[in-house]
Amino acid sequence: MKSYQASDLEGGNFEVLRLRLFTRWRDAKALQDHTDWMSSQGMVAIYCEFNPDHGFREIYWSPPTGSGFEVRSGRTPQEFRQFADQNQERGWPLLTLHRSADGYLSAVWVTSDALDSARQLLSALGIGLASQS
């Protein structure tokens, strides 16, 4: 069975920058409304977090035109594996992964054509790629 390593988050100035770019914490309803609005502006989450006490928050980016993505946040490990397997079958690499203290997983997958653009932004924010083995 595959194992997954969460994205590394560098400290220092990267941390200050990330904190400024994160959306505020929101519940599931507000998250969906905000996600829909951001999508209409051509923006999707490049990194997301879930906290059972606070809800959801994300960092958004503008992916290359025509690229695909999938964002799933606050999922159990079993739910995450289902999405991971489906995206692996499609050939979409796992981009970022957050594991909450309670074990909930939030992940972003992208099409290969968006990977270089996403890597550049993640590097500038001090966010490491997720990995699987």
N, C-alpha and C. Protein backbone atom coordinates (compact mmCIF):
# COMPACT_ATOMS: atom_id res chain seq x y z
N MET A 1 0.83 -1.18 0.00
CA MET A 1 0.00 0.00 0.00
C MET A 1 0.88 1.24 0.00
N LYS A 2 0.51 2.24 -0.79
CA LYS A 2 1.28 3.47 -0.88
C LYS A 2 1.20 4.25 0.42
N SER A 3 2.29 4.94 0.72
CA SER A 3 2.29 5.88 1.83
C SER A 3 2.47 7.29 1.25
N TYR A 4 1.98 8.28 1.96
CA TYR A 4 2.00 9.65 1.48
C TYR A 4 2.66 10.54 2.50
N GLN A 5 3.53 11.42 2.03
CA GLN A 5 4.22 12.37 2.89
C GLN A 5 3.63 13.76 2.66
N ALA A 6 3.24 14.42 3.74
CA ALA A 6 2.67 15.76 3.65
C ALA A 6 3.70 16.76 3.15
N SER A 7 3.23 17.87 2.63
CA SER A 7 4.10 18.95 2.17
C SER A 7 4.88 19.53 3.34
N ASP A 8 6.15 19.84 3.12
CA ASP A 8 6.96 20.52 4.13
C ASP A 8 6.67 22.01 4.05
N LEU A 9 6.63 22.68 5.19
CA LEU A 9 6.44 24.12 5.25
C LEU A 9 7.68 24.74 5.89
N GLU A 10 8.42 25.54 5.11
CA GLU A 10 9.60 26.20 5.64
C GLU A 10 9.19 27.35 6.55
N GLY A 11 10.03 27.68 7.51
CA GLY A 11 9.73 28.76 8.45
C GLY A 11 10.26 30.10 7.97
N GLY A 12 10.52 30.99 8.89
CA GLY A 12 11.09 32.30 8.59
C GLY A 12 10.15 33.17 7.77
N ASN A 13 10.72 33.88 6.79
CA ASN A 13 9.94 34.80 5.96
C ASN A 13 8.86 34.07 5.17
N PHE A 14 9.11 32.82 4.80
CA PHE A 14 8.10 32.06 4.08
C PHE A 14 6.83 31.94 4.93
N GLU A 15 7.01 31.71 6.21
CA GLU A 15 5.87 31.54 7.09
C GLU A 15 5.04 32.81 7.16
N VAL A 16 5.69 33.95 7.28
CA VAL A 16 4.99 35.23 7.33
C VAL A 16 4.23 35.46 6.02
N LEU A 17 4.86 35.18 4.91
CA LEU A 17 4.21 35.34 3.61
C LEU A 17 3.00 34.43 3.48
N ARG A 18 3.17 33.16 3.84
CA ARG A 18 2.04 32.22 3.76
C ARG A 18 0.86 32.68 4.62
N LEU A 19 1.14 33.12 5.83
CA LEU A 19 0.06 33.55 6.72
C LEU A 19 -0.72 34.71 6.12
N ARG A 20 -0.06 35.56 5.36
CA ARG A 20 -0.74 36.68 4.71
C ARG A 20 -1.57 36.22 3.51
N LEU A 21 -1.18 35.13 2.89
CA LEU A 21 -1.88 34.64 1.70
C LEU A 21 -3.03 33.69 2.00
N PHE A 22 -3.00 33.06 3.16
CA PHE A 22 -4.10 32.16 3.52
C PHE A 22 -5.40 32.94 3.59
N THR A 23 -6.48 32.31 3.15
CA THR A 23 -7.81 32.87 3.38
C THR A 23 -8.10 32.76 4.87
N ARG A 24 -9.15 33.41 5.31
CA ARG A 24 -9.55 33.24 6.71
C ARG A 24 -10.14 31.82 6.87
N TRP A 25 -10.20 31.34 8.09
CA TRP A 25 -10.83 30.05 8.36
C TRP A 25 -12.32 30.17 8.07
N ARG A 26 -12.92 29.15 7.46
CA ARG A 26 -14.36 29.19 7.17
C ARG A 26 -14.95 27.79 7.27
N ASP A 27 -16.26 27.75 7.50
CA ASP A 27 -16.95 26.46 7.57
C ASP A 27 -17.18 25.93 6.15
N ALA A 28 -17.71 24.72 6.06
CA ALA A 28 -17.85 24.05 4.77
C ALA A 28 -18.74 24.84 3.80
N LYS A 29 -19.82 25.40 4.28
CA LYS A 29 -20.72 26.16 3.40
C LYS A 29 -20.02 27.39 2.85
N ALA A 30 -19.38 28.15 3.73
CA ALA A 30 -18.66 29.35 3.29
C ALA A 30 -17.49 28.98 2.39
N LEU A 31 -16.84 27.85 2.68
CA LEU A 31 -15.74 27.39 1.83
C LEU A 31 -16.23 27.14 0.41
N GLN A 32 -17.35 26.44 0.27
CA GLN A 32 -17.87 26.12 -1.07
C GLN A 32 -18.25 27.39 -1.82
N ASP A 33 -18.90 28.32 -1.14
CA ASP A 33 -19.26 29.58 -1.77
C ASP A 33 -18.02 30.34 -2.24
N HIS A 34 -17.01 30.41 -1.38
CA HIS A 34 -15.78 31.12 -1.73
C HIS A 34 -15.05 30.41 -2.86
N THR A 35 -14.98 29.09 -2.79
CA THR A 35 -14.32 28.30 -3.84
C THR A 35 -14.98 28.53 -5.19
N ASP A 36 -16.31 28.52 -5.21
CA ASP A 36 -17.04 28.77 -6.46
C ASP A 36 -16.72 30.16 -7.01
N TRP A 37 -16.71 31.15 -6.12
CA TRP A 37 -16.42 32.52 -6.55
C TRP A 37 -14.99 32.63 -7.09
N MET A 38 -14.02 32.06 -6.38
CA MET A 38 -12.63 32.10 -6.82
C MET A 38 -12.46 31.38 -8.16
N SER A 39 -13.14 30.27 -8.32
CA SER A 39 -13.08 29.53 -9.57
C SER A 39 -13.59 30.38 -10.73
N SER A 40 -14.64 31.15 -10.49
CA SER A 40 -15.17 32.02 -11.54
C SER A 40 -14.18 33.12 -11.91
N GLN A 41 -13.22 33.38 -11.03
CA GLN A 41 -12.16 34.36 -11.29
C GLN A 41 -10.90 33.71 -11.86
N GLY A 42 -10.96 32.39 -12.10
CA GLY A 42 -9.82 31.67 -12.65
C GLY A 42 -8.78 31.26 -11.62
N MET A 43 -9.18 31.23 -10.34
CA MET A 43 -8.25 30.90 -9.26
C MET A 43 -8.69 29.59 -8.59
N VAL A 44 -7.71 28.76 -8.25
CA VAL A 44 -7.98 27.51 -7.54
C VAL A 44 -6.99 27.37 -6.39
N ALA A 45 -7.34 26.53 -5.44
CA ALA A 45 -6.45 26.32 -4.29
C ALA A 45 -5.21 25.55 -4.73
N ILE A 46 -4.06 26.04 -4.31
CA ILE A 46 -2.81 25.33 -4.55
C ILE A 46 -2.38 24.60 -3.27
N TYR A 47 -2.91 25.05 -2.13
CA TYR A 47 -2.63 24.43 -0.84
C TYR A 47 -3.82 24.70 0.06
N CYS A 48 -4.22 23.71 0.84
CA CYS A 48 -5.37 23.89 1.73
C CYS A 48 -5.12 23.16 3.05
N GLU A 49 -5.77 23.64 4.07
CA GLU A 49 -5.67 23.04 5.40
C GLU A 49 -7.05 22.90 6.00
N PHE A 50 -7.17 21.91 6.89
CA PHE A 50 -8.41 21.70 7.65
C PHE A 50 -8.05 21.55 9.11
N ASN A 51 -8.86 22.20 9.96
CA ASN A 51 -8.72 22.09 11.40
C ASN A 51 -10.12 21.89 11.95
N PRO A 52 -10.38 20.81 12.69
CA PRO A 52 -11.73 20.55 13.18
C PRO A 52 -12.31 21.69 14.01
N ASP A 53 -11.45 22.47 14.67
CA ASP A 53 -11.93 23.57 15.52
C ASP A 53 -12.16 24.86 14.74
N HIS A 54 -11.47 25.03 13.61
CA HIS A 54 -11.52 26.30 12.88
C HIS A 54 -12.17 26.18 11.51
N GLY A 55 -12.08 25.02 10.88
CA GLY A 55 -12.64 24.84 9.54
C GLY A 55 -11.56 24.71 8.49
N PHE A 56 -11.76 25.43 7.39
CA PHE A 56 -10.90 25.31 6.22
C PHE A 56 -10.24 26.64 5.89
N ARG A 57 -9.04 26.58 5.30
CA ARG A 57 -8.40 27.76 4.74
C ARG A 57 -7.50 27.31 3.59
N GLU A 58 -7.25 28.24 2.65
CA GLU A 58 -6.54 27.88 1.43
C GLU A 58 -5.62 29.02 0.99
N ILE A 59 -4.71 28.67 0.09
CA ILE A 59 -3.92 29.63 -0.67
C ILE A 59 -4.29 29.39 -2.13
N TYR A 60 -4.64 30.45 -2.83
CA TYR A 60 -5.11 30.33 -4.22
C TYR A 60 -4.04 30.74 -5.22
N TRP A 61 -4.20 30.23 -6.45
CA TRP A 61 -3.30 30.58 -7.56
C TRP A 61 -4.09 30.52 -8.87
N SER A 62 -3.47 31.04 -9.90
CA SER A 62 -4.07 31.03 -11.23
C SER A 62 -3.34 29.98 -12.06
N PRO A 63 -3.95 28.82 -12.28
CA PRO A 63 -3.28 27.75 -13.03
C PRO A 63 -3.22 28.07 -14.52
N PRO A 64 -2.32 27.41 -15.25
CA PRO A 64 -2.27 27.61 -16.70
C PRO A 64 -3.61 27.26 -17.34
N THR A 65 -3.96 28.00 -18.37
CA THR A 65 -5.21 27.78 -19.08
C THR A 65 -5.28 26.33 -19.58
N GLY A 66 -6.43 25.71 -19.36
CA GLY A 66 -6.65 24.36 -19.84
C GLY A 66 -6.19 23.25 -18.91
N SER A 67 -5.51 23.60 -17.82
CA SER A 67 -5.03 22.56 -16.90
C SER A 67 -6.18 22.10 -16.01
N GLY A 68 -6.02 20.91 -15.46
CA GLY A 68 -7.03 20.36 -14.57
C GLY A 68 -6.50 20.29 -13.15
N PHE A 69 -7.41 20.22 -12.20
CA PHE A 69 -7.03 20.17 -10.80
C PHE A 69 -8.15 19.52 -10.01
N GLU A 70 -7.81 19.03 -8.85
CA GLU A 70 -8.80 18.54 -7.89
C GLU A 70 -8.33 18.90 -6.50
N VAL A 71 -9.23 19.44 -5.71
CA VAL A 71 -8.92 19.85 -4.34
C VAL A 71 -9.90 19.14 -3.42
N ARG A 72 -9.37 18.46 -2.41
CA ARG A 72 -10.20 17.78 -1.41
C ARG A 72 -9.64 18.11 -0.04
N SER A 73 -10.49 18.61 0.84
CA SER A 73 -10.01 19.05 2.14
C SER A 73 -10.85 18.46 3.26
N GLY A 74 -10.17 18.16 4.39
CA GLY A 74 -10.85 17.64 5.56
C GLY A 74 -11.34 16.21 5.38
N ARG A 75 -10.59 15.40 4.67
CA ARG A 75 -10.99 14.02 4.38
C ARG A 75 -10.32 13.04 5.32
N THR A 76 -11.01 11.95 5.60
CA THR A 76 -10.40 10.87 6.38
C THR A 76 -9.32 10.21 5.52
N PRO A 77 -8.40 9.48 6.12
CA PRO A 77 -7.39 8.79 5.31
C PRO A 77 -8.02 7.85 4.27
N GLN A 78 -9.11 7.19 4.60
CA GLN A 78 -9.76 6.29 3.64
C GLN A 78 -10.34 7.07 2.46
N GLU A 79 -11.00 8.20 2.74
CA GLU A 79 -11.54 9.03 1.67
C GLU A 79 -10.40 9.58 0.80
N PHE A 80 -9.34 10.02 1.44
CA PHE A 80 -8.19 10.54 0.71
C PHE A 80 -7.64 9.49 -0.25
N ARG A 81 -7.48 8.26 0.23
CA ARG A 81 -6.92 7.20 -0.63
C ARG A 81 -7.78 6.96 -1.86
N GLN A 82 -9.10 7.04 -1.71
CA GLN A 82 -9.99 6.88 -2.87
C GLN A 82 -9.69 7.95 -3.91
N PHE A 83 -9.60 9.22 -3.48
CA PHE A 83 -9.29 10.30 -4.41
C PHE A 83 -7.89 10.15 -4.98
N ALA A 84 -6.94 9.74 -4.15
CA ALA A 84 -5.57 9.55 -4.62
C ALA A 84 -5.50 8.47 -5.69
N ASP A 85 -6.20 7.37 -5.47
CA ASP A 85 -6.21 6.29 -6.46
C ASP A 85 -6.85 6.74 -7.77
N GLN A 86 -7.97 7.45 -7.68
CA GLN A 86 -8.65 7.94 -8.88
C GLN A 86 -7.75 8.89 -9.67
N ASN A 87 -7.08 9.78 -8.97
CA ASN A 87 -6.22 10.74 -9.65
C ASN A 87 -4.96 10.10 -10.20
N GLN A 88 -4.46 9.09 -9.54
CA GLN A 88 -3.30 8.38 -10.08
C GLN A 88 -3.69 7.68 -11.39
N GLU A 89 -4.89 7.09 -11.43
CA GLU A 89 -5.36 6.45 -12.67
C GLU A 89 -5.49 7.47 -13.80
N ARG A 90 -5.84 8.71 -13.48
CA ARG A 90 -5.94 9.76 -14.50
C ARG A 90 -4.57 10.32 -14.89
N GLY A 91 -3.55 9.98 -14.10
CA GLY A 91 -2.22 10.52 -14.37
C GLY A 91 -2.01 11.91 -13.78
N TRP A 92 -2.80 12.27 -12.77
CA TRP A 92 -2.67 13.57 -12.12
C TRP A 92 -1.81 13.42 -10.87
N PRO A 93 -0.65 14.07 -10.82
CA PRO A 93 0.21 13.94 -9.64
C PRO A 93 -0.36 14.68 -8.43
N LEU A 94 -0.06 14.13 -7.26
CA LEU A 94 -0.38 14.78 -6.00
C LEU A 94 0.56 15.96 -5.85
N LEU A 95 0.02 17.13 -5.64
CA LEU A 95 0.82 18.35 -5.57
C LEU A 95 1.14 18.71 -4.12
N THR A 96 0.10 18.98 -3.33
CA THR A 96 0.30 19.34 -1.93
C THR A 96 -0.61 18.50 -1.04
N LEU A 97 -0.17 18.32 0.19
CA LEU A 97 -0.92 17.52 1.15
C LEU A 97 -0.70 18.09 2.54
N HIS A 98 -1.80 18.29 3.27
CA HIS A 98 -1.75 18.73 4.66
C HIS A 98 -2.43 17.67 5.51
N ARG A 99 -1.80 17.34 6.63
CA ARG A 99 -2.38 16.39 7.59
C ARG A 99 -2.62 17.14 8.88
N SER A 100 -3.90 17.22 9.30
CA SER A 100 -4.22 17.94 10.55
C SER A 100 -3.76 17.12 11.75
N ALA A 101 -3.74 17.76 12.89
CA ALA A 101 -3.35 17.06 14.12
C ALA A 101 -4.28 15.89 14.41
N ASP A 102 -5.53 15.97 13.94
CA ASP A 102 -6.50 14.89 14.15
C ASP A 102 -6.48 13.85 13.04
N GLY A 103 -5.56 13.99 12.07
CA GLY A 103 -5.42 12.99 11.02
C GLY A 103 -6.25 13.22 9.77
N TYR A 104 -6.93 14.37 9.67
CA TYR A 104 -7.66 14.67 8.44
C TYR A 104 -6.69 15.16 7.37
N LEU A 105 -6.99 14.82 6.12
CA LEU A 105 -6.09 15.14 5.02
C LEU A 105 -6.74 16.12 4.06
N SER A 106 -5.92 17.06 3.59
CA SER A 106 -6.34 18.02 2.57
C SER A 106 -5.30 17.98 1.46
N ALA A 107 -5.76 17.83 0.22
CA ALA A 107 -4.82 17.60 -0.88
C ALA A 107 -5.23 18.33 -2.14
N VAL A 108 -4.22 18.58 -2.98
CA VAL A 108 -4.43 19.16 -4.30
C VAL A 108 -3.70 18.28 -5.31
N TRP A 109 -4.41 17.92 -6.37
CA TRP A 109 -3.83 17.21 -7.51
C TRP A 109 -3.94 18.11 -8.73
N VAL A 110 -2.98 18.02 -9.66
CA VAL A 110 -3.02 18.83 -10.88
C VAL A 110 -2.64 17.96 -12.08
N THR A 111 -3.00 18.43 -13.24
CA THR A 111 -2.54 17.77 -14.46
C THR A 111 -1.05 18.09 -14.64
N SER A 112 -0.37 17.24 -15.37
CA SER A 112 1.07 17.38 -15.54
C SER A 112 1.46 18.71 -16.16
N ASP A 113 0.62 19.25 -17.05
CA ASP A 113 0.95 20.52 -17.70
C ASP A 113 0.95 21.71 -16.73
N ALA A 114 0.36 21.56 -15.56
CA ALA A 114 0.32 22.64 -14.57
C ALA A 114 1.41 22.48 -13.51
N LEU A 115 2.10 21.36 -13.55
CA LEU A 115 3.04 21.03 -12.46
C LEU A 115 4.18 22.03 -12.33
N ASP A 116 4.80 22.43 -13.44
CA ASP A 116 5.93 23.37 -13.35
C ASP A 116 5.51 24.72 -12.80
N SER A 117 4.38 25.23 -13.26
CA SER A 117 3.86 26.50 -12.76
C SER A 117 3.58 26.42 -11.26
N ALA A 118 2.96 25.33 -10.84
CA ALA A 118 2.64 25.14 -9.42
C ALA A 118 3.91 25.02 -8.59
N ARG A 119 4.90 24.28 -9.08
CA ARG A 119 6.16 24.13 -8.34
C ARG A 119 6.83 25.47 -8.11
N GLN A 120 6.83 26.33 -9.12
CA GLN A 120 7.46 27.64 -8.97
C GLN A 120 6.80 28.45 -7.87
N LEU A 121 5.47 28.47 -7.85
CA LEU A 121 4.77 29.23 -6.81
C LEU A 121 5.00 28.60 -5.44
N LEU A 122 4.90 27.29 -5.36
CA LEU A 122 5.10 26.63 -4.07
C LEU A 122 6.50 26.89 -3.53
N SER A 123 7.48 26.85 -4.40
CA SER A 123 8.86 27.12 -3.98
C SER A 123 8.98 28.54 -3.43
N ALA A 124 8.34 29.50 -4.09
CA ALA A 124 8.39 30.89 -3.64
C ALA A 124 7.70 31.07 -2.29
N LEU A 125 6.79 30.17 -1.96
CA LEU A 125 6.06 30.24 -0.68
C LEU A 125 6.65 29.34 0.39
N GLY A 126 7.71 28.61 0.05
CA GLY A 126 8.32 27.70 1.01
C GLY A 126 7.46 26.50 1.33
N ILE A 127 6.68 26.05 0.34
CA ILE A 127 5.83 24.88 0.51
C ILE A 127 6.39 23.75 -0.36
N GLY A 128 6.72 22.63 0.28
CA GLY A 128 7.26 21.50 -0.46
C GLY A 128 6.15 20.69 -1.12
N LEU A 129 6.51 19.99 -2.17
CA LEU A 129 5.56 19.10 -2.83
C LEU A 129 5.25 17.92 -1.92
N ALA A 130 4.06 17.41 -2.05
CA ALA A 130 3.71 16.16 -1.35
C ALA A 130 4.43 15.03 -2.07
N SER A 131 4.58 13.90 -1.43
CA SER A 131 5.22 12.76 -2.10
C SER A 131 4.47 11.49 -1.74
N GLN A 132 4.64 10.51 -2.61
CA GLN A 132 4.06 9.20 -2.36
C GLN A 132 5.08 8.13 -2.71
N SER A 133 5.01 7.03 -2.00
CA SER A 133 5.95 5.92 -2.29
C SER A 133 5.24 4.60 -2.13
